[in-house]
Amino acid sequence: MADIKIDDTVDITDVVCPVTFVKAKVALEELDDGQILAVKMNDGETVQNVPRSIKEEGHQILKLEDNEDGTYTLIVKKVGD
């Protein structure tokens, strides 16, 4: 992730769907357009649902990185309304 400047990070590994997406969405809402959010999440349902839901909201998925510890980091660019 050295090539991408992260503006904020949210860790949703301690919550379950659908709260995972809600926490990620709230974190995105607090950013300005064009800023980058890193979302740390667990493998499984969350890693399938959260990126899809964020994309449906119109934001840009830059990267989904496997942390090789059962978690993933999703890198999202906020896109304005």
N, C-alpha and C. Protein backbone atom coordinates (compact mmCIF):
# COMPACT_ATOMS: atom_id res chain seq x y z
N MET A 1 0.83 -1.20 0.00
CA MET A 1 0.00 0.00 0.00
C MET A 1 0.86 1.25 0.00
N ALA A 2 2.13 1.11 -0.22
CA ALA A 2 3.05 2.24 -0.17
C ALA A 2 2.72 3.28 -1.24
N ASP A 3 2.10 2.85 -2.33
CA ASP A 3 1.80 3.77 -3.41
C ASP A 3 0.48 4.52 -3.21
N ILE A 4 -0.28 4.16 -2.21
CA ILE A 4 -1.57 4.79 -1.95
C ILE A 4 -1.53 5.47 -0.59
N LYS A 5 -1.91 6.76 -0.56
CA LYS A 5 -1.95 7.50 0.70
C LYS A 5 -3.30 7.25 1.37
N ILE A 6 -3.26 6.63 2.53
CA ILE A 6 -4.47 6.32 3.29
C ILE A 6 -4.83 7.52 4.17
N ASP A 7 -6.07 8.02 4.04
CA ASP A 7 -6.51 9.16 4.83
C ASP A 7 -7.13 8.74 6.16
N ASP A 8 -7.74 7.56 6.19
CA ASP A 8 -8.36 7.08 7.43
C ASP A 8 -8.46 5.56 7.37
N THR A 9 -8.57 4.95 8.54
CA THR A 9 -8.68 3.49 8.64
C THR A 9 -9.81 3.15 9.59
N VAL A 10 -10.56 2.11 9.25
CA VAL A 10 -11.60 1.60 10.14
C VAL A 10 -11.42 0.09 10.25
N ASP A 11 -11.50 -0.41 11.47
CA ASP A 11 -11.36 -1.84 11.73
C ASP A 11 -12.74 -2.39 12.07
N ILE A 12 -13.25 -3.26 11.19
CA ILE A 12 -14.58 -3.84 11.42
C ILE A 12 -14.50 -5.33 11.72
N THR A 13 -13.32 -5.77 12.19
CA THR A 13 -13.15 -7.20 12.48
C THR A 13 -13.91 -7.63 13.72
N ASP A 14 -14.36 -6.67 14.54
CA ASP A 14 -15.04 -7.02 15.79
C ASP A 14 -16.56 -6.95 15.68
N VAL A 15 -17.08 -6.73 14.46
CA VAL A 15 -18.54 -6.65 14.28
C VAL A 15 -18.97 -7.62 13.18
N VAL A 16 -20.28 -7.90 13.12
CA VAL A 16 -20.81 -8.84 12.13
C VAL A 16 -21.77 -8.12 11.17
N CYS A 17 -21.99 -8.74 10.01
CA CYS A 17 -22.93 -8.19 9.03
C CYS A 17 -24.32 -8.07 9.67
N PRO A 18 -25.10 -7.04 9.36
CA PRO A 18 -24.81 -5.96 8.42
C PRO A 18 -24.11 -4.75 9.05
N VAL A 19 -23.75 -4.84 10.31
CA VAL A 19 -23.10 -3.72 10.99
C VAL A 19 -21.75 -3.40 10.34
N THR A 20 -21.11 -4.41 9.74
CA THR A 20 -19.82 -4.19 9.09
C THR A 20 -19.93 -3.11 8.02
N PHE A 21 -20.93 -3.24 7.16
CA PHE A 21 -21.10 -2.26 6.08
C PHE A 21 -21.47 -0.90 6.65
N VAL A 22 -22.31 -0.88 7.66
CA VAL A 22 -22.73 0.39 8.27
C VAL A 22 -21.51 1.14 8.81
N LYS A 23 -20.63 0.44 9.52
CA LYS A 23 -19.43 1.09 10.06
C LYS A 23 -18.53 1.61 8.94
N ALA A 24 -18.38 0.84 7.88
CA ALA A 24 -17.55 1.26 6.75
C ALA A 24 -18.18 2.48 6.06
N LYS A 25 -19.50 2.45 5.91
CA LYS A 25 -20.21 3.56 5.25
C LYS A 25 -20.09 4.84 6.06
N VAL A 26 -20.24 4.74 7.38
CA VAL A 26 -20.11 5.92 8.25
C VAL A 26 -18.70 6.50 8.15
N ALA A 27 -17.70 5.64 8.13
CA ALA A 27 -16.31 6.10 8.01
C ALA A 27 -16.10 6.81 6.68
N LEU A 28 -16.70 6.29 5.61
CA LEU A 28 -16.59 6.93 4.30
C LEU A 28 -17.27 8.30 4.29
N GLU A 29 -18.43 8.39 4.95
CA GLU A 29 -19.18 9.65 4.98
C GLU A 29 -18.38 10.76 5.66
N GLU A 30 -17.48 10.40 6.55
CA GLU A 30 -16.69 11.39 7.27
C GLU A 30 -15.51 11.92 6.45
N LEU A 31 -15.23 11.27 5.33
CA LEU A 31 -14.12 11.70 4.47
C LEU A 31 -14.61 12.69 3.41
N ASP A 32 -13.66 13.44 2.86
CA ASP A 32 -13.96 14.31 1.72
C ASP A 32 -13.85 13.49 0.45
N ASP A 33 -14.50 13.97 -0.61
CA ASP A 33 -14.42 13.29 -1.90
C ASP A 33 -12.96 13.15 -2.33
N GLY A 34 -12.62 11.98 -2.83
CA GLY A 34 -11.27 11.72 -3.30
C GLY A 34 -10.34 11.17 -2.24
N GLN A 35 -10.77 11.20 -0.96
CA GLN A 35 -9.92 10.65 0.08
C GLN A 35 -10.01 9.12 0.09
N ILE A 36 -9.01 8.51 0.73
CA ILE A 36 -8.87 7.05 0.71
C ILE A 36 -9.11 6.48 2.11
N LEU A 37 -9.93 5.43 2.17
CA LEU A 37 -10.24 4.73 3.41
C LEU A 37 -9.73 3.30 3.33
N ALA A 38 -9.07 2.85 4.38
CA ALA A 38 -8.67 1.45 4.51
C ALA A 38 -9.63 0.79 5.48
N VAL A 39 -10.24 -0.31 5.07
CA VAL A 39 -11.20 -1.03 5.90
C VAL A 39 -10.63 -2.42 6.20
N LYS A 40 -10.32 -2.68 7.47
CA LYS A 40 -9.82 -4.00 7.86
C LYS A 40 -11.03 -4.86 8.25
N MET A 41 -11.13 -6.03 7.62
CA MET A 41 -12.29 -6.90 7.84
C MET A 41 -11.89 -8.36 7.87
N ASN A 42 -12.77 -9.16 8.43
CA ASN A 42 -12.56 -10.61 8.49
C ASN A 42 -12.87 -11.26 7.16
N ASP A 43 -12.32 -12.45 6.97
CA ASP A 43 -12.63 -13.28 5.81
C ASP A 43 -14.08 -13.76 5.92
N GLY A 44 -14.61 -14.30 4.83
CA GLY A 44 -15.95 -14.86 4.85
C GLY A 44 -16.97 -13.92 4.25
N GLU A 45 -18.16 -13.89 4.85
CA GLU A 45 -19.26 -13.08 4.35
C GLU A 45 -18.88 -11.61 4.20
N THR A 46 -18.18 -11.10 5.18
CA THR A 46 -17.83 -9.68 5.19
C THR A 46 -17.01 -9.30 3.97
N VAL A 47 -16.01 -10.10 3.64
CA VAL A 47 -15.13 -9.76 2.52
C VAL A 47 -15.86 -9.87 1.18
N GLN A 48 -16.98 -10.58 1.16
CA GLN A 48 -17.79 -10.66 -0.05
C GLN A 48 -18.78 -9.50 -0.11
N ASN A 49 -19.42 -9.22 1.02
CA ASN A 49 -20.52 -8.25 1.03
C ASN A 49 -20.10 -6.79 1.10
N VAL A 50 -19.12 -6.47 1.93
CA VAL A 50 -18.75 -5.07 2.13
C VAL A 50 -18.22 -4.43 0.84
N PRO A 51 -17.27 -5.05 0.13
CA PRO A 51 -16.82 -4.42 -1.12
C PRO A 51 -17.95 -4.22 -2.13
N ARG A 52 -18.82 -5.21 -2.25
CA ARG A 52 -19.94 -5.11 -3.19
C ARG A 52 -20.85 -3.94 -2.81
N SER A 53 -21.18 -3.84 -1.53
CA SER A 53 -22.07 -2.78 -1.06
C SER A 53 -21.45 -1.40 -1.24
N ILE A 54 -20.15 -1.29 -0.97
CA ILE A 54 -19.46 0.00 -1.13
C ILE A 54 -19.45 0.40 -2.60
N LYS A 55 -19.22 -0.56 -3.48
CA LYS A 55 -19.22 -0.29 -4.92
C LYS A 55 -20.61 0.15 -5.37
N GLU A 56 -21.65 -0.50 -4.84
CA GLU A 56 -23.03 -0.14 -5.18
C GLU A 56 -23.35 1.29 -4.73
N GLU A 57 -22.67 1.76 -3.69
CA GLU A 57 -22.85 3.14 -3.21
C GLU A 57 -22.16 4.14 -4.13
N GLY A 58 -21.37 3.64 -5.09
CA GLY A 58 -20.73 4.50 -6.06
C GLY A 58 -19.27 4.83 -5.78
N HIS A 59 -18.70 4.22 -4.74
CA HIS A 59 -17.31 4.48 -4.41
C HIS A 59 -16.40 3.55 -5.22
N GLN A 60 -15.13 3.90 -5.28
CA GLN A 60 -14.18 3.15 -6.10
C GLN A 60 -13.33 2.22 -5.24
N ILE A 61 -13.37 0.93 -5.55
CA ILE A 61 -12.53 -0.05 -4.87
C ILE A 61 -11.16 -0.02 -5.54
N LEU A 62 -10.13 0.33 -4.77
CA LEU A 62 -8.78 0.40 -5.32
C LEU A 62 -8.04 -0.92 -5.17
N LYS A 63 -8.25 -1.59 -4.03
CA LYS A 63 -7.48 -2.81 -3.77
C LYS A 63 -8.14 -3.59 -2.65
N LEU A 64 -8.04 -4.92 -2.74
CA LEU A 64 -8.44 -5.81 -1.65
C LEU A 64 -7.22 -6.67 -1.36
N GLU A 65 -6.67 -6.48 -0.19
CA GLU A 65 -5.40 -7.10 0.16
C GLU A 65 -5.61 -8.18 1.23
N ASP A 66 -5.07 -9.38 0.96
CA ASP A 66 -5.12 -10.47 1.92
C ASP A 66 -3.98 -10.28 2.93
N ASN A 67 -4.33 -10.09 4.19
CA ASN A 67 -3.32 -9.88 5.23
C ASN A 67 -2.70 -11.19 5.71
N GLU A 68 -3.21 -12.31 5.18
CA GLU A 68 -2.71 -13.64 5.50
C GLU A 68 -2.79 -14.00 6.97
N ASP A 69 -3.77 -13.40 7.66
CA ASP A 69 -4.02 -13.74 9.07
C ASP A 69 -5.52 -13.92 9.31
N GLY A 70 -6.26 -14.18 8.22
CA GLY A 70 -7.71 -14.32 8.32
C GLY A 70 -8.44 -13.00 8.15
N THR A 71 -7.68 -11.93 7.89
CA THR A 71 -8.30 -10.62 7.65
C THR A 71 -7.88 -10.09 6.28
N TYR A 72 -8.64 -9.13 5.82
CA TYR A 72 -8.36 -8.44 4.57
C TYR A 72 -8.39 -6.95 4.81
N THR A 73 -7.68 -6.20 3.96
CA THR A 73 -7.76 -4.74 4.00
C THR A 73 -8.30 -4.28 2.64
N LEU A 74 -9.43 -3.59 2.70
CA LEU A 74 -10.06 -3.04 1.52
C LEU A 74 -9.69 -1.57 1.42
N ILE A 75 -9.17 -1.16 0.27
CA ILE A 75 -8.79 0.23 0.04
C ILE A 75 -9.85 0.86 -0.87
N VAL A 76 -10.50 1.91 -0.36
CA VAL A 76 -11.63 2.53 -1.06
C VAL A 76 -11.39 4.02 -1.25
N LYS A 77 -11.69 4.50 -2.45
CA LYS A 77 -11.64 5.93 -2.72
C LYS A 77 -13.05 6.47 -2.68
N LYS A 78 -13.27 7.51 -1.88
CA LYS A 78 -14.60 8.09 -1.77
C LYS A 78 -14.91 8.88 -3.04
N VAL A 79 -16.09 8.61 -3.61
CA VAL A 79 -16.54 9.31 -4.79
C VAL A 79 -17.77 10.13 -4.39
N GLY A 80 -17.79 11.39 -4.79
CA GLY A 80 -18.87 12.30 -4.41
C GLY A 80 -20.22 11.88 -4.95
N ASP A 81 -21.25 12.45 -4.36
CA ASP A 81 -22.64 12.12 -4.74
C ASP A 81 -22.99 12.60 -6.12
